[in-house]
Amino acid sequence: MHIAILTFEGFNELDSLIALGVLNRIKKPGWRVSLAGPSASVTSMNGVTVKLGASLADACAAEAVIVGSGIRTREIAADPAILSALRLDPSRQLIGAQCSGTLLLAKLGLLGAVPACTDLTTKPWVQDAGIEVLNQPFFAAGNVATAGGCLASPYLAAWIIARTEGLQAAADALHYVAPVGEKEAYVERAMNNIAPYLETSPS
């Protein structure tokens, strides 16, 4: 199971790295989580440079993909080379997007008439792309999910874990990262946000 987190120049650390941390709570052979992008390394919106472990082609072949956000997403979503390289397919992949990553899904035509979640800054751009934006942190339809707000990134990670490893594995991963003294309440809230969208099994 390979999960690729698309991480571009100017990325938001909270989106990519929190999802990376939660997803890596799964410890089993074959489970791999990578930061993926079009270059060998990228620098975040706050100046943190990270090496990427996967390419865009690797992401297209992965079983699950999360599209992270950042301050250059509008440029990326208008880049024909990037768009043509991202051959994502919800018929064979779980696909999630965080904040401005939702705009990239819209530009790729992966949302269709389905509503989506995003952050408040990106909201008007996603609406301009013809997508209804919901006032909630998480939404999924079939194999495509979106989340709005940096701290909604654990919901995307938990959704992928729940879809592939089961509800208990998702709850356990969230429990590990949740604040001490708030763990049960945090896990309950998070699971309540993703549970309505777990009716279907991964293809």
N, C-alpha and C. Protein backbone atom coordinates (compact mmCIF):
# COMPACT_ATOMS: atom_id res chain seq x y z
N MET A 1 0.85 -1.19 0.00
CA MET A 1 0.00 0.00 0.00
C MET A 1 0.89 1.24 0.00
N HIS A 2 0.87 1.98 -1.10
CA HIS A 2 1.64 3.21 -1.17
C HIS A 2 0.69 4.40 -1.14
N ILE A 3 0.93 5.32 -0.23
CA ILE A 3 0.16 6.55 -0.13
C ILE A 3 1.10 7.70 -0.45
N ALA A 4 0.77 8.46 -1.48
CA ALA A 4 1.60 9.59 -1.89
C ALA A 4 0.92 10.89 -1.48
N ILE A 5 1.68 11.75 -0.84
CA ILE A 5 1.18 13.07 -0.45
C ILE A 5 1.81 14.09 -1.38
N LEU A 6 1.03 14.61 -2.32
CA LEU A 6 1.56 15.58 -3.27
C LEU A 6 1.94 16.86 -2.54
N THR A 7 3.20 17.23 -2.68
CA THR A 7 3.78 18.33 -1.91
C THR A 7 4.60 19.19 -2.86
N PHE A 8 4.11 20.41 -3.11
CA PHE A 8 4.73 21.27 -4.10
C PHE A 8 5.48 22.42 -3.43
N GLU A 9 6.24 23.17 -4.23
CA GLU A 9 6.95 24.35 -3.74
C GLU A 9 5.94 25.29 -3.07
N GLY A 10 6.33 25.81 -1.89
CA GLY A 10 5.44 26.69 -1.13
C GLY A 10 4.39 25.94 -0.33
N PHE A 11 4.62 24.64 -0.09
CA PHE A 11 3.62 23.81 0.59
C PHE A 11 3.38 24.24 2.04
N ASN A 12 2.22 23.87 2.53
CA ASN A 12 1.86 24.11 3.93
C ASN A 12 2.30 22.90 4.75
N GLU A 13 3.21 23.13 5.69
CA GLU A 13 3.76 22.03 6.48
C GLU A 13 2.68 21.25 7.23
N LEU A 14 1.70 21.98 7.77
CA LEU A 14 0.68 21.33 8.58
C LEU A 14 -0.11 20.30 7.77
N ASP A 15 -0.36 20.62 6.53
CA ASP A 15 -1.15 19.70 5.70
C ASP A 15 -0.37 18.44 5.36
N SER A 16 0.80 18.61 4.78
CA SER A 16 1.57 17.45 4.32
C SER A 16 2.15 16.64 5.48
N LEU A 17 2.73 17.31 6.46
CA LEU A 17 3.48 16.59 7.48
C LEU A 17 2.61 15.97 8.56
N ILE A 18 1.48 16.62 8.90
CA ILE A 18 0.58 15.98 9.87
C ILE A 18 -0.03 14.72 9.27
N ALA A 19 -0.47 14.81 8.01
CA ALA A 19 -1.00 13.61 7.35
C ALA A 19 0.06 12.52 7.29
N LEU A 20 1.29 12.90 6.97
CA LEU A 20 2.40 11.94 6.94
C LEU A 20 2.56 11.24 8.28
N GLY A 21 2.52 12.02 9.36
CA GLY A 21 2.70 11.46 10.69
C GLY A 21 1.58 10.52 11.10
N VAL A 22 0.34 10.91 10.83
CA VAL A 22 -0.80 10.07 11.22
C VAL A 22 -0.80 8.78 10.40
N LEU A 23 -0.58 8.89 9.10
CA LEU A 23 -0.59 7.70 8.24
C LEU A 23 0.51 6.72 8.62
N ASN A 24 1.63 7.23 9.09
CA ASN A 24 2.73 6.35 9.46
C ASN A 24 2.55 5.69 10.82
N ARG A 25 1.40 5.90 11.44
CA ARG A 25 1.08 5.13 12.65
C ARG A 25 0.76 3.68 12.29
N ILE A 26 0.47 3.42 11.04
CA ILE A 26 0.25 2.05 10.59
C ILE A 26 1.61 1.40 10.38
N LYS A 27 1.87 0.34 11.11
CA LYS A 27 3.15 -0.35 11.03
C LYS A 27 2.91 -1.76 10.51
N LYS A 28 3.04 -1.92 9.21
CA LYS A 28 2.86 -3.25 8.62
C LYS A 28 3.68 -3.33 7.35
N PRO A 29 4.10 -4.53 6.97
CA PRO A 29 4.89 -4.69 5.75
C PRO A 29 4.12 -4.18 4.53
N GLY A 30 4.81 -3.46 3.68
CA GLY A 30 4.19 -2.97 2.46
C GLY A 30 3.48 -1.64 2.59
N TRP A 31 3.32 -1.15 3.82
CA TRP A 31 2.67 0.16 4.02
C TRP A 31 3.73 1.24 3.87
N ARG A 32 3.54 2.13 2.90
CA ARG A 32 4.55 3.16 2.62
C ARG A 32 3.86 4.49 2.37
N VAL A 33 4.36 5.53 3.02
CA VAL A 33 3.83 6.88 2.84
C VAL A 33 4.96 7.77 2.36
N SER A 34 4.74 8.46 1.24
CA SER A 34 5.79 9.29 0.65
C SER A 34 5.29 10.70 0.38
N LEU A 35 6.20 11.65 0.52
CA LEU A 35 5.96 12.98 -0.01
C LEU A 35 6.34 12.93 -1.49
N ALA A 36 5.45 13.38 -2.36
CA ALA A 36 5.68 13.26 -3.80
C ALA A 36 5.55 14.61 -4.47
N GLY A 37 6.29 14.79 -5.56
CA GLY A 37 6.21 16.03 -6.30
C GLY A 37 7.04 15.98 -7.56
N PRO A 38 7.12 17.10 -8.28
CA PRO A 38 7.81 17.13 -9.56
C PRO A 38 9.31 17.37 -9.47
N SER A 39 9.84 17.50 -8.26
CA SER A 39 11.27 17.79 -8.09
C SER A 39 11.83 16.94 -6.95
N ALA A 40 13.13 17.04 -6.74
CA ALA A 40 13.78 16.24 -5.70
C ALA A 40 13.52 16.78 -4.30
N SER A 41 13.29 18.08 -4.20
CA SER A 41 13.03 18.70 -2.90
C SER A 41 12.14 19.93 -3.11
N VAL A 42 11.47 20.34 -2.05
CA VAL A 42 10.63 21.53 -2.10
C VAL A 42 10.81 22.30 -0.79
N THR A 43 10.53 23.60 -0.86
CA THR A 43 10.62 24.45 0.32
C THR A 43 9.24 24.96 0.66
N SER A 44 8.89 24.87 1.93
CA SER A 44 7.55 25.21 2.39
C SER A 44 7.31 26.71 2.41
N MET A 45 6.08 27.10 2.68
CA MET A 45 5.71 28.50 2.78
C MET A 45 6.42 29.21 3.92
N ASN A 46 6.97 28.43 4.86
CA ASN A 46 7.70 29.01 5.98
C ASN A 46 9.19 28.71 5.94
N GLY A 47 9.68 28.27 4.77
CA GLY A 47 11.11 28.12 4.59
C GLY A 47 11.71 26.79 4.99
N VAL A 48 10.88 25.77 5.19
CA VAL A 48 11.37 24.43 5.54
C VAL A 48 11.56 23.62 4.26
N THR A 49 12.77 23.17 4.01
CA THR A 49 13.06 22.38 2.81
C THR A 49 13.06 20.90 3.14
N VAL A 50 12.34 20.13 2.36
CA VAL A 50 12.28 18.68 2.57
C VAL A 50 12.59 17.96 1.26
N LYS A 51 13.20 16.78 1.40
CA LYS A 51 13.42 15.92 0.25
C LYS A 51 12.15 15.12 -0.02
N LEU A 52 11.84 14.95 -1.30
CA LEU A 52 10.67 14.17 -1.67
C LEU A 52 11.09 12.74 -2.00
N GLY A 53 10.25 11.80 -1.57
CA GLY A 53 10.59 10.40 -1.77
C GLY A 53 9.91 9.75 -2.94
N ALA A 54 9.10 10.51 -3.69
CA ALA A 54 8.36 9.93 -4.80
C ALA A 54 8.11 11.00 -5.86
N SER A 55 7.94 10.55 -7.09
CA SER A 55 7.69 11.44 -8.22
C SER A 55 6.19 11.56 -8.48
N LEU A 56 5.83 12.42 -9.43
CA LEU A 56 4.42 12.50 -9.84
C LEU A 56 3.96 11.19 -10.45
N ALA A 57 4.84 10.53 -11.20
CA ALA A 57 4.49 9.23 -11.78
C ALA A 57 4.24 8.19 -10.69
N ASP A 58 5.05 8.23 -9.62
CA ASP A 58 4.83 7.33 -8.49
C ASP A 58 3.47 7.58 -7.86
N ALA A 59 3.11 8.85 -7.73
CA ALA A 59 1.81 9.20 -7.14
C ALA A 59 0.67 8.67 -8.00
N CYS A 60 0.83 8.74 -9.32
CA CYS A 60 -0.22 8.24 -10.22
C CYS A 60 -0.41 6.74 -10.09
N ALA A 61 0.64 6.03 -9.67
CA ALA A 61 0.57 4.58 -9.52
C ALA A 61 0.21 4.15 -8.10
N ALA A 62 0.18 5.10 -7.16
CA ALA A 62 -0.08 4.77 -5.76
C ALA A 62 -1.53 4.35 -5.54
N GLU A 63 -1.75 3.60 -4.47
CA GLU A 63 -3.11 3.18 -4.12
C GLU A 63 -3.93 4.32 -3.53
N ALA A 64 -3.25 5.29 -2.93
CA ALA A 64 -3.94 6.45 -2.35
C ALA A 64 -3.08 7.69 -2.54
N VAL A 65 -3.74 8.83 -2.73
CA VAL A 65 -3.05 10.10 -2.95
C VAL A 65 -3.73 11.19 -2.13
N ILE A 66 -2.94 11.99 -1.45
CA ILE A 66 -3.44 13.20 -0.80
C ILE A 66 -2.78 14.39 -1.51
N VAL A 67 -3.59 15.35 -1.93
CA VAL A 67 -3.07 16.56 -2.55
C VAL A 67 -2.98 17.63 -1.47
N GLY A 68 -1.75 17.96 -1.09
CA GLY A 68 -1.56 18.96 -0.06
C GLY A 68 -1.78 20.37 -0.61
N SER A 69 -1.72 21.34 0.27
CA SER A 69 -1.96 22.72 -0.15
C SER A 69 -0.69 23.55 0.01
N GLY A 70 -0.79 24.80 -0.41
CA GLY A 70 0.35 25.70 -0.28
C GLY A 70 0.05 27.04 -0.92
N ILE A 71 1.01 27.95 -0.84
CA ILE A 71 0.78 29.31 -1.32
C ILE A 71 0.90 29.43 -2.84
N ARG A 72 1.34 28.36 -3.52
CA ARG A 72 1.47 28.42 -4.98
C ARG A 72 0.50 27.50 -5.70
N THR A 73 -0.52 27.03 -5.01
CA THR A 73 -1.43 26.06 -5.62
C THR A 73 -2.14 26.62 -6.84
N ARG A 74 -2.50 27.89 -6.81
CA ARG A 74 -3.18 28.47 -7.98
C ARG A 74 -2.28 28.42 -9.22
N GLU A 75 -0.99 28.67 -9.04
CA GLU A 75 -0.05 28.55 -10.15
C GLU A 75 0.04 27.11 -10.64
N ILE A 76 0.13 26.19 -9.68
CA ILE A 76 0.25 24.77 -10.01
C ILE A 76 -1.00 24.30 -10.75
N ALA A 77 -2.17 24.76 -10.30
CA ALA A 77 -3.43 24.34 -10.91
C ALA A 77 -3.61 24.92 -12.30
N ALA A 78 -2.78 25.89 -12.67
CA ALA A 78 -2.84 26.48 -14.01
C ALA A 78 -1.68 26.02 -14.89
N ASP A 79 -0.89 25.08 -14.40
CA ASP A 79 0.30 24.61 -15.12
C ASP A 79 -0.06 23.38 -15.95
N PRO A 80 -0.09 23.50 -17.28
CA PRO A 80 -0.49 22.36 -18.12
C PRO A 80 0.41 21.14 -17.94
N ALA A 81 1.69 21.35 -17.68
CA ALA A 81 2.62 20.22 -17.51
C ALA A 81 2.27 19.42 -16.26
N ILE A 82 1.96 20.12 -15.18
CA ILE A 82 1.58 19.43 -13.94
C ILE A 82 0.25 18.71 -14.13
N LEU A 83 -0.72 19.39 -14.70
CA LEU A 83 -2.05 18.80 -14.87
C LEU A 83 -2.00 17.56 -15.75
N SER A 84 -1.22 17.61 -16.81
CA SER A 84 -1.15 16.46 -17.71
C SER A 84 -0.40 15.29 -17.07
N ALA A 85 0.51 15.60 -16.13
CA ALA A 85 1.27 14.54 -15.47
C ALA A 85 0.48 13.84 -14.37
N LEU A 86 -0.55 14.51 -13.85
CA LEU A 86 -1.31 13.96 -12.74
C LEU A 86 -2.49 13.13 -13.27
N ARG A 87 -2.21 11.88 -13.58
CA ARG A 87 -3.24 10.97 -14.08
C ARG A 87 -3.83 10.20 -12.91
N LEU A 88 -4.56 10.92 -12.08
CA LEU A 88 -5.19 10.31 -10.91
C LEU A 88 -6.53 9.70 -11.33
N ASP A 89 -6.88 8.59 -10.69
CA ASP A 89 -8.07 7.85 -11.13
C ASP A 89 -8.82 7.29 -9.92
N PRO A 90 -9.95 7.89 -9.55
CA PRO A 90 -10.70 7.42 -8.38
C PRO A 90 -11.31 6.03 -8.55
N SER A 91 -11.29 5.48 -9.75
CA SER A 91 -11.78 4.11 -9.91
C SER A 91 -10.79 3.08 -9.36
N ARG A 92 -9.52 3.52 -9.18
CA ARG A 92 -8.52 2.59 -8.65
C ARG A 92 -7.71 3.18 -7.50
N GLN A 93 -7.98 4.43 -7.14
CA GLN A 93 -7.23 5.10 -6.08
C GLN A 93 -8.18 5.78 -5.10
N LEU A 94 -7.76 5.84 -3.83
CA LEU A 94 -8.38 6.76 -2.89
C LEU A 94 -7.68 8.10 -3.07
N ILE A 95 -8.45 9.16 -3.25
CA ILE A 95 -7.87 10.48 -3.53
C ILE A 95 -8.44 11.49 -2.55
N GLY A 96 -7.56 12.17 -1.84
CA GLY A 96 -7.98 13.20 -0.90
C GLY A 96 -7.28 14.51 -1.22
N ALA A 97 -7.88 15.61 -0.82
CA ALA A 97 -7.26 16.92 -1.02
C ALA A 97 -7.48 17.77 0.22
N GLN A 98 -6.47 18.56 0.53
CA GLN A 98 -6.48 19.41 1.71
C GLN A 98 -6.46 20.87 1.29
N CYS A 99 -7.41 21.65 1.77
CA CYS A 99 -7.44 23.10 1.54
C CYS A 99 -7.29 23.46 0.06
N SER A 100 -6.21 24.15 -0.33
CA SER A 100 -6.11 24.56 -1.73
C SER A 100 -5.86 23.38 -2.65
N GLY A 101 -5.51 22.23 -2.11
CA GLY A 101 -5.41 21.03 -2.93
C GLY A 101 -6.74 20.70 -3.59
N THR A 102 -7.84 21.14 -2.96
CA THR A 102 -9.17 20.93 -3.54
C THR A 102 -9.29 21.64 -4.88
N LEU A 103 -8.65 22.79 -5.02
CA LEU A 103 -8.66 23.50 -6.29
C LEU A 103 -8.00 22.66 -7.38
N LEU A 104 -6.93 21.98 -7.03
CA LEU A 104 -6.24 21.14 -8.01
C LEU A 104 -7.14 19.98 -8.45
N LEU A 105 -7.86 19.38 -7.50
CA LEU A 105 -8.80 18.32 -7.88
C LEU A 105 -9.88 18.85 -8.81
N ALA A 106 -10.35 20.07 -8.54
CA ALA A 106 -11.37 20.67 -9.40
C ALA A 106 -10.83 20.87 -10.81
N LYS A 107 -9.61 21.36 -10.92
CA LYS A 107 -9.01 21.61 -12.23
C LYS A 107 -8.74 20.32 -12.99
N LEU A 108 -8.53 19.23 -12.24
CA LEU A 108 -8.31 17.91 -12.86
C LEU A 108 -9.62 17.24 -13.24
N GLY A 109 -10.74 17.87 -12.88
CA GLY A 109 -12.04 17.30 -13.21
C GLY A 109 -12.44 16.13 -12.35
N LEU A 110 -11.87 16.01 -11.16
CA LEU A 110 -12.12 14.86 -10.30
C LEU A 110 -13.28 15.07 -9.33
N LEU A 111 -13.81 16.29 -9.27
CA LEU A 111 -14.91 16.56 -8.34
C LEU A 111 -16.27 16.53 -9.04
N GLY A 112 -16.30 16.87 -10.32
CA GLY A 112 -17.57 16.86 -11.05
C GLY A 112 -18.60 17.75 -10.39
N ALA A 113 -19.77 17.20 -10.13
CA ALA A 113 -20.84 17.97 -9.50
C ALA A 113 -20.88 17.76 -7.99
N VAL A 114 -19.85 17.12 -7.46
CA VAL A 114 -19.82 16.81 -6.03
C VAL A 114 -19.34 18.03 -5.24
N PRO A 115 -19.98 18.37 -4.12
CA PRO A 115 -19.49 19.47 -3.29
C PRO A 115 -18.17 19.10 -2.62
N ALA A 116 -17.50 20.10 -2.07
CA ALA A 116 -16.18 19.85 -1.51
C ALA A 116 -15.90 20.77 -0.34
N CYS A 117 -14.85 20.44 0.39
CA CYS A 117 -14.37 21.27 1.51
C CYS A 117 -13.04 21.90 1.12
N THR A 118 -12.80 23.09 1.62
CA THR A 118 -11.53 23.77 1.42
C THR A 118 -11.37 24.83 2.50
N ASP A 119 -10.25 25.53 2.48
CA ASP A 119 -10.06 26.60 3.47
C ASP A 119 -10.75 27.87 2.99
N LEU A 120 -10.87 28.84 3.87
CA LEU A 120 -11.61 30.06 3.56
C LEU A 120 -10.95 30.90 2.48
N THR A 121 -9.61 30.89 2.43
CA THR A 121 -8.91 31.66 1.40
C THR A 121 -9.17 31.08 0.01
N THR A 122 -9.15 29.77 -0.08
CA THR A 122 -9.31 29.10 -1.37
C THR A 122 -10.77 29.01 -1.81
N LYS A 123 -11.68 29.17 -0.88
CA LYS A 123 -13.11 28.98 -1.18
C LYS A 123 -13.58 29.67 -2.45
N PRO A 124 -13.32 30.98 -2.64
CA PRO A 124 -13.83 31.63 -3.85
C PRO A 124 -13.23 31.07 -5.13
N TRP A 125 -11.98 30.62 -5.08
CA TRP A 125 -11.35 30.05 -6.28
C TRP A 125 -12.00 28.72 -6.65
N VAL A 126 -12.31 27.91 -5.63
CA VAL A 126 -12.97 26.63 -5.88
C VAL A 126 -14.38 26.87 -6.41
N GLN A 127 -15.05 27.87 -5.85
CA GLN A 127 -16.38 28.21 -6.34
C GLN A 127 -16.33 28.69 -7.79
N ASP A 128 -15.30 29.46 -8.12
CA ASP A 128 -15.13 29.93 -9.50
C ASP A 128 -14.90 28.76 -10.46
N ALA A 129 -14.39 27.66 -9.92
CA ALA A 129 -14.18 26.46 -10.74
C ALA A 129 -15.46 25.64 -10.88
N GLY A 130 -16.55 26.16 -10.30
CA GLY A 130 -17.84 25.51 -10.45
C GLY A 130 -18.19 24.49 -9.39
N ILE A 131 -17.46 24.51 -8.28
CA ILE A 131 -17.68 23.54 -7.21
C ILE A 131 -18.37 24.19 -6.03
N GLU A 132 -19.40 23.54 -5.50
CA GLU A 132 -20.06 24.01 -4.27
C GLU A 132 -19.14 23.72 -3.08
N VAL A 133 -18.89 24.73 -2.27
CA VAL A 133 -18.03 24.58 -1.10
C VAL A 133 -18.89 24.46 0.16
N LEU A 134 -18.62 23.42 0.92
CA LEU A 134 -19.38 23.15 2.14
C LEU A 134 -18.74 23.83 3.34
N ASN A 135 -19.55 24.19 4.32
CA ASN A 135 -19.05 24.79 5.56
C ASN A 135 -18.86 23.68 6.59
N GLN A 136 -17.92 22.80 6.32
CA GLN A 136 -17.61 21.70 7.22
C GLN A 136 -16.18 21.25 6.95
N PRO A 137 -15.58 20.49 7.89
CA PRO A 137 -14.16 20.17 7.75
C PRO A 137 -13.84 19.02 6.81
N PHE A 138 -14.82 18.15 6.53
CA PHE A 138 -14.52 16.94 5.75
C PHE A 138 -15.76 16.50 4.98
N PHE A 139 -15.51 16.01 3.76
CA PHE A 139 -16.58 15.44 2.96
C PHE A 139 -15.97 14.43 2.00
N ALA A 140 -16.67 13.35 1.76
CA ALA A 140 -16.20 12.37 0.77
C ALA A 140 -17.37 11.84 -0.02
N ALA A 141 -17.10 11.52 -1.27
CA ALA A 141 -18.07 10.85 -2.12
C ALA A 141 -17.33 9.75 -2.85
N GLY A 142 -17.67 8.51 -2.55
CA GLY A 142 -16.94 7.39 -3.14
C GLY A 142 -15.50 7.41 -2.71
N ASN A 143 -14.59 7.42 -3.68
CA ASN A 143 -13.17 7.34 -3.39
C ASN A 143 -12.47 8.70 -3.38
N VAL A 144 -13.25 9.78 -3.36
CA VAL A 144 -12.66 11.13 -3.35
C VAL A 144 -13.10 11.88 -2.10
N ALA A 145 -12.13 12.43 -1.37
CA ALA A 145 -12.43 13.16 -0.14
C ALA A 145 -11.73 14.51 -0.15
N THR A 146 -12.33 15.49 0.52
CA THR A 146 -11.71 16.80 0.67
C THR A 146 -11.83 17.25 2.12
N ALA A 147 -10.87 18.08 2.54
CA ALA A 147 -10.87 18.60 3.91
C ALA A 147 -10.54 20.07 3.87
N GLY A 148 -11.10 20.83 4.80
CA GLY A 148 -10.87 22.26 4.86
C GLY A 148 -10.32 22.70 6.20
N GLY A 149 -9.23 23.44 6.18
CA GLY A 149 -8.58 23.89 7.41
C GLY A 149 -7.38 23.00 7.71
N CYS A 150 -6.25 23.61 8.06
CA CYS A 150 -5.01 22.86 8.26
C CYS A 150 -5.18 21.69 9.23
N LEU A 151 -5.89 21.92 10.32
CA LEU A 151 -6.00 20.88 11.34
C LEU A 151 -7.07 19.85 11.02
N ALA A 152 -7.63 19.92 9.80
CA ALA A 152 -8.51 18.84 9.32
C ALA A 152 -7.70 17.76 8.62
N SER A 153 -6.38 17.95 8.48
CA SER A 153 -5.57 16.95 7.78
C SER A 153 -5.61 15.58 8.45
N PRO A 154 -5.72 15.47 9.79
CA PRO A 154 -5.86 14.12 10.36
C PRO A 154 -7.12 13.40 9.90
N TYR A 155 -8.16 14.15 9.53
CA TYR A 155 -9.39 13.52 9.05
C TYR A 155 -9.14 12.81 7.72
N LEU A 156 -8.39 13.45 6.83
CA LEU A 156 -8.05 12.80 5.56
C LEU A 156 -7.24 11.53 5.81
N ALA A 157 -6.25 11.63 6.69
CA ALA A 157 -5.42 10.47 6.99
C ALA A 157 -6.25 9.35 7.61
N ALA A 158 -7.12 9.71 8.55
CA ALA A 158 -7.96 8.71 9.20
C ALA A 158 -8.93 8.06 8.22
N TRP A 159 -9.44 8.85 7.26
CA TRP A 159 -10.35 8.31 6.24
C TRP A 159 -9.64 7.25 5.41
N ILE A 160 -8.41 7.52 5.01
CA ILE A 160 -7.65 6.54 4.23
C ILE A 160 -7.38 5.29 5.06
N ILE A 161 -7.01 5.48 6.32
CA ILE A 161 -6.75 4.32 7.17
C ILE A 161 -8.03 3.50 7.38
N ALA A 162 -9.13 4.18 7.64
CA ALA A 162 -10.39 3.48 7.86
C ALA A 162 -10.82 2.71 6.62
N ARG A 163 -10.63 3.31 5.45
CA ARG A 163 -11.02 2.66 4.21
C ARG A 163 -10.17 1.44 3.89
N THR A 164 -8.93 1.43 4.34
CA THR A 164 -8.01 0.35 3.98
C THR A 164 -7.71 -0.62 5.12
N GLU A 165 -7.70 -0.10 6.36
CA GLU A 165 -7.31 -0.93 7.50
C GLU A 165 -8.41 -1.10 8.54
N GLY A 166 -9.49 -0.34 8.40
CA GLY A 166 -10.61 -0.49 9.31
C GLY A 166 -10.72 0.66 10.31
N LEU A 167 -11.91 0.74 10.91
CA LEU A 167 -12.21 1.84 11.83
C LEU A 167 -11.30 1.85 13.05
N GLN A 168 -11.02 0.67 13.60
CA GLN A 168 -10.21 0.63 14.82
C GLN A 168 -8.81 1.14 14.56
N ALA A 169 -8.25 0.78 13.42
CA ALA A 169 -6.91 1.25 13.08
C ALA A 169 -6.89 2.77 12.94
N ALA A 170 -7.95 3.33 12.35
CA ALA A 170 -8.03 4.79 12.22
C ALA A 170 -8.15 5.45 13.59
N ALA A 171 -8.99 4.89 14.45
CA ALA A 171 -9.17 5.45 15.79
C ALA A 171 -7.87 5.37 16.59
N ASP A 172 -7.15 4.27 16.45
CA ASP A 172 -5.88 4.10 17.17
C ASP A 172 -4.84 5.12 16.70
N ALA A 173 -4.78 5.36 15.40
CA ALA A 173 -3.82 6.33 14.87
C ALA A 173 -4.13 7.74 15.38
N LEU A 174 -5.40 8.09 15.40
CA LEU A 174 -5.80 9.41 15.91
C LEU A 174 -5.54 9.52 17.41
N HIS A 175 -5.81 8.44 18.14
CA HIS A 175 -5.60 8.44 19.59
C HIS A 175 -4.14 8.75 19.92
N TYR A 176 -3.22 8.22 19.14
CA TYR A 176 -1.81 8.42 19.39
C TYR A 176 -1.43 9.90 19.29
N VAL A 177 -1.98 10.60 18.29
CA VAL A 177 -1.58 12.00 18.06
C VAL A 177 -2.42 13.01 18.83
N ALA A 178 -3.54 12.57 19.38
CA ALA A 178 -4.45 13.48 20.07
C ALA A 178 -3.83 14.04 21.36
N PRO A 179 -4.22 15.24 21.78
CA PRO A 179 -3.70 15.83 23.01
C PRO A 179 -4.06 14.99 24.24
N VAL A 180 -3.12 14.89 25.15
CA VAL A 180 -3.36 14.18 26.41
C VAL A 180 -4.47 14.88 27.18
N GLY A 181 -5.35 14.10 27.75
CA GLY A 181 -6.48 14.64 28.48
C GLY A 181 -7.68 14.92 27.61
N GLU A 182 -7.47 14.86 26.28
CA GLU A 182 -8.56 15.10 25.33
C GLU A 182 -8.68 13.96 24.32
N LYS A 183 -7.94 12.89 24.54
CA LYS A 183 -7.84 11.86 23.52
C LYS A 183 -9.18 11.26 23.13
N GLU A 184 -9.97 10.85 24.10
CA GLU A 184 -11.23 10.21 23.77
C GLU A 184 -12.17 11.17 23.05
N ALA A 185 -12.24 12.40 23.53
CA ALA A 185 -13.11 13.39 22.90
C ALA A 185 -12.63 13.73 21.49
N TYR A 186 -11.32 13.84 21.32
CA TYR A 186 -10.76 14.15 20.00
C TYR A 186 -11.07 13.05 19.00
N VAL A 187 -10.81 11.81 19.41
CA VAL A 187 -11.04 10.68 18.52
C VAL A 187 -12.52 10.57 18.16
N GLU A 188 -13.38 10.76 19.15
CA GLU A 188 -14.82 10.68 18.89
C GLU A 188 -15.25 11.74 17.87
N ARG A 189 -14.77 12.97 18.04
CA ARG A 189 -15.13 14.04 17.12
C ARG A 189 -14.63 13.74 15.72
N ALA A 190 -13.37 13.31 15.63
CA ALA A 190 -12.79 13.02 14.31
C ALA A 190 -13.52 11.88 13.62
N MET A 191 -13.79 10.83 14.35
CA MET A 191 -14.47 9.68 13.74
C MET A 191 -15.89 10.03 13.34
N ASN A 192 -16.53 10.91 14.12
CA ASN A 192 -17.88 11.35 13.74
C ASN A 192 -17.87 12.14 12.44
N ASN A 193 -16.76 12.82 12.16
CA ASN A 193 -16.66 13.59 10.92
C ASN A 193 -16.45 12.71 9.70
N ILE A 194 -15.76 11.57 9.87
CA ILE A 194 -15.50 10.73 8.70
C ILE A 194 -16.47 9.56 8.57
N ALA A 195 -17.09 9.15 9.67
CA ALA A 195 -17.94 7.95 9.65
C ALA A 195 -19.06 7.99 8.61
N PRO A 196 -19.73 9.12 8.38
CA PRO A 196 -20.82 9.12 7.40
C PRO A 196 -20.37 8.82 5.97
N TYR A 197 -19.04 8.88 5.74
CA TYR A 197 -18.53 8.71 4.37
C TYR A 197 -17.76 7.40 4.19
N LEU A 198 -18.05 6.44 5.05
CA LEU A 198 -17.34 5.17 4.99
C LEU A 198 -18.21 4.02 4.54
N GLU A 199 -19.36 4.33 3.89
CA GLU A 199 -20.28 3.27 3.50
C GLU A 199 -19.69 2.37 2.42
N THR A 200 -18.88 2.93 1.54
CA THR A 200 -18.35 2.14 0.43
C THR A 200 -16.96 1.63 0.77
N SER A 201 -16.61 0.49 0.19
CA SER A 201 -15.29 -0.09 0.38
C SER A 201 -14.37 0.35 -0.74
N PRO A 202 -13.05 0.33 -0.51
CA PRO A 202 -12.14 0.70 -1.57
C PRO A 202 -12.23 -0.28 -2.72
N SER A 203 -12.06 0.22 -3.92
CA SER A 203 -12.16 -0.65 -5.09
C SER A 203 -10.97 -1.57 -5.19
